[in-house]
Each structure stands twice: as C-alpha cells, then as structure tokens.
Amino acid sequence: MLQESNHPERRTRARQRIAFSCDLYLCATGETCGGILRSLDFGGARVKLNSRNIALSGRVQLRTGTEDHGSFRVVWQNGQEIGLQALIA
C-alpha cells in the first residue's frame, strides 16, 4: 500500500477491495483459469491468479459463482496479479 507517494491516482473513484473466488474464461482459447477477485468497479478489476505459471493477454470473461461480470481486456500482469479493463458492449 502506498502511504506517502507522489504517484498520481488515475481512477476517479476508489475501488472496493474484496476477495471472491472467480473464473476467467479465456475467449481466444476457450480455457478457464481460476483466481481471487481482489477489486471490481465499473471500469475494471484486479485478480490474483491461482496458477503461478500462466501469462494472460487479450479478452476474458469474468465470473464469480453464478454471476457473469462481463468482458474485460487484460491490460497488465505482474506475476500472479492481473489488471482488467472493462469492455463496453
């Protein structure tokens, strides 16, 4: 967590931190990988992947339980953590 930093915050609203089990459906391959949904808002999400040996890119569908949160694009990955940008249909 950044305490005293001059790092500019690009979000206009704070994301709620959460910890829900989730699945990412990889649209390009049809595969599914599991993770923990760490934050979610109208513009994007952050997920910690269960697997250490996976690199994601492109479009994914985000699901928690029986709820489909829609389509997202992987915009960054740092180890097991990925950042997702919401795609508007």
C-alpha atoms as a PDB file:
ATOM      1  CA  MET A   1       0.000   0.000   0.000  1.00  0.00           C
ATOM      2  CA  LEU A   2       1.304   3.432  -0.912  1.00  0.00           C
ATOM      3  CA  GLN A   3       1.368   5.761   2.042  1.00  0.00           C
ATOM      4  CA  GLU A   4       3.254   8.943   1.201  1.00  0.00           C
ATOM      5  CA  SER A   5       3.757   8.909  -2.514  1.00  0.00           C
ATOM      6  CA  ASN A   6       3.641  11.352  -5.350  1.00  0.00           C
ATOM      7  CA  HIS A   7       2.271   8.612  -7.621  1.00  0.00           C
ATOM      8  CA  PRO A   8      -0.769  10.053  -9.442  1.00  0.00           C
ATOM      9  CA  GLU A   9      -4.022   8.151  -8.990  1.00  0.00           C
ATOM     10  CA  ARG A  10      -5.746   7.746 -12.355  1.00  0.00           C
ATOM     11  CA  ARG A  11      -9.061   6.436 -11.012  1.00  0.00           C
ATOM     12  CA  THR A  12     -11.772   8.908 -10.171  1.00  0.00           C
ATOM     13  CA  ARG A  13     -13.278   6.592  -7.539  1.00  0.00           C
ATOM     14  CA  ALA A  14     -11.668   4.213  -5.085  1.00  0.00           C
ATOM     15  CA  ARG A  15     -12.057   0.504  -5.815  1.00  0.00           C
ATOM     16  CA  GLN A  16     -13.578  -1.663  -3.108  1.00  0.00           C
ATOM     17  CA  ARG A  17     -11.179  -4.380  -2.009  1.00  0.00           C
ATOM     18  CA  ILE A  18     -12.787  -7.803  -1.989  1.00  0.00           C
ATOM     19  CA  ALA A  19     -11.765 -11.460  -2.007  1.00  0.00           C
ATOM     20  CA  PHE A  20     -14.108 -13.667  -4.042  1.00  0.00           C
ATOM     21  CA  SER A  21     -13.258 -16.853  -5.868  1.00  0.00           C
ATOM     22  CA  CYS A  22     -13.591 -16.274  -9.611  1.00  0.00           C
ATOM     23  CA  ASP A  23     -13.082 -17.873 -13.001  1.00  0.00           C
ATOM     24  CA  LEU A  24     -11.648 -16.233 -16.086  1.00  0.00           C
ATOM     25  CA  TYR A  25     -12.833 -17.647 -19.403  1.00  0.00           C
ATOM     26  CA  LEU A  26     -10.116 -17.032 -21.983  1.00  0.00           C
ATOM     27  CA  CYS A  27     -12.005 -16.031 -25.131  1.00  0.00           C
ATOM     28  CA  ALA A  28      -9.133 -16.826 -27.537  1.00  0.00           C
ATOM     29  CA  THR A  29      -8.587 -20.427 -26.362  1.00  0.00           C
ATOM     30  CA  GLY A  30     -11.820 -21.402 -24.605  1.00  0.00           C
ATOM     31  CA  GLU A  31      -9.867 -22.369 -21.476  1.00  0.00           C
ATOM     32  CA  THR A  32     -10.772 -21.345 -17.941  1.00  0.00           C
ATOM     33  CA  CYS A  33      -8.418 -20.387 -15.130  1.00  0.00           C
ATOM     34  CA  GLY A  34      -9.268 -19.694 -11.504  1.00  0.00           C
ATOM     35  CA  GLY A  35      -8.328 -16.841  -9.250  1.00  0.00           C
ATOM     36  CA  ILE A  36      -9.320 -14.489  -6.464  1.00  0.00           C
ATOM     37  CA  LEU A  37     -11.155 -11.306  -7.425  1.00  0.00           C
ATOM     38  CA  ARG A  38      -9.393  -8.587  -5.403  1.00  0.00           C
ATOM     39  CA  SER A  39     -11.203  -5.465  -6.637  1.00  0.00           C
ATOM     40  CA  LEU A  40     -14.006  -4.614  -9.040  1.00  0.00           C
ATOM     41  CA  ASP A  41     -15.654  -1.440 -10.279  1.00  0.00           C
ATOM     42  CA  PHE A  42     -17.400  -0.188 -13.420  1.00  0.00           C
ATOM     43  CA  GLY A  43     -14.074   0.377 -15.206  1.00  0.00           C
ATOM     44  CA  GLY A  44     -12.093  -2.724 -14.346  1.00  0.00           C
ATOM     45  CA  ALA A  45     -10.922  -5.348 -11.920  1.00  0.00           C
ATOM     46  CA  ARG A  46      -7.845  -6.852 -10.304  1.00  0.00           C
ATOM     47  CA  VAL A  47      -7.440 -10.625  -9.986  1.00  0.00           C
ATOM     48  CA  LYS A  48      -4.839 -12.818  -8.307  1.00  0.00           C
ATOM     49  CA  LEU A  49      -4.458 -15.976 -10.391  1.00  0.00           C
ATOM     50  CA  ASN A  50      -4.308 -19.392  -8.721  1.00  0.00           C
ATOM     51  CA  SER A  51      -1.568 -20.559 -11.099  1.00  0.00           C
ATOM     52  CA  ARG A  52       1.959 -19.175 -10.947  1.00  0.00           C
ATOM     53  CA  ASN A  53       2.834 -20.386 -14.450  1.00  0.00           C
ATOM     54  CA  ILE A  54       0.329 -18.613 -16.664  1.00  0.00           C
ATOM     55  CA  ALA A  55       0.612 -15.484 -18.776  1.00  0.00           C
ATOM     56  CA  LEU A  56      -2.676 -13.928 -19.872  1.00  0.00           C
ATOM     57  CA  SER A  57      -3.463 -11.434 -22.599  1.00  0.00           C
ATOM     58  CA  GLY A  58      -6.424 -10.431 -24.709  1.00  0.00           C
ATOM     59  CA  ARG A  59     -10.094 -10.719 -23.879  1.00  0.00           C
ATOM     60  CA  VAL A  60     -11.574 -12.636 -20.925  1.00  0.00           C
ATOM     61  CA  GLN A  61     -14.998 -13.189 -19.338  1.00  0.00           C
ATOM     62  CA  LEU A  62     -15.061 -12.744 -15.541  1.00  0.00           C
ATOM     63  CA  ARG A  63     -17.385 -14.910 -13.433  1.00  0.00           C
ATOM     64  CA  THR A  64     -17.921 -15.250  -9.683  1.00  0.00           C
ATOM     65  CA  GLY A  65     -20.179 -18.107  -8.627  1.00  0.00           C
ATOM     66  CA  THR A  66     -23.157 -17.885 -10.961  1.00  0.00           C
ATOM     67  CA  GLU A  67     -22.698 -14.171 -11.734  1.00  0.00           C
ATOM     68  CA  ASP A  68     -21.163 -13.091 -15.049  1.00  0.00           C
ATOM     69  CA  HIS A  69     -19.412  -9.719 -14.710  1.00  0.00           C
ATOM     70  CA  GLY A  70     -18.900  -9.278 -18.464  1.00  0.00           C
ATOM     71  CA  SER A  71     -15.992  -8.932 -20.862  1.00  0.00           C
ATOM     72  CA  PHE A  72     -12.624  -7.490 -19.905  1.00  0.00           C
ATOM     73  CA  ARG A  73      -9.254  -6.952 -21.525  1.00  0.00           C
ATOM     74  CA  VAL A  74      -6.037  -7.890 -19.722  1.00  0.00           C
ATOM     75  CA  VAL A  75      -4.040  -4.642 -19.519  1.00  0.00           C
ATOM     76  CA  TRP A  76      -1.211  -5.673 -17.200  1.00  0.00           C
ATOM     77  CA  GLN A  77       0.218  -8.674 -15.397  1.00  0.00           C
ATOM     78  CA  ASN A  78       2.723  -8.757 -12.560  1.00  0.00           C
ATOM     79  CA  GLY A  79       3.378 -12.371 -11.583  1.00  0.00           C
ATOM     80  CA  GLN A  80       0.045 -13.777 -10.395  1.00  0.00           C
ATOM     81  CA  GLU A  81      -1.716 -10.382 -10.333  1.00  0.00           C
ATOM     82  CA  ILE A  82      -3.564  -9.101 -13.409  1.00  0.00           C
ATOM     83  CA  GLY A  83      -5.359  -5.862 -14.165  1.00  0.00           C
ATOM     84  CA  LEU A  84      -8.500  -5.935 -16.283  1.00  0.00           C
ATOM     85  CA  GLN A  85     -10.204  -3.129 -18.186  1.00  0.00           C
ATOM     86  CA  ALA A  86     -13.972  -3.447 -18.656  1.00  0.00           C
ATOM     87  CA  LEU A  87     -15.140  -3.642 -22.268  1.00  0.00           C
ATOM     88  CA  ILE A  88     -18.382  -1.887 -23.080  1.00  0.00           C
ATOM     89  CA  ALA A  89     -20.541  -3.916 -25.480  1.00  0.00           C
END
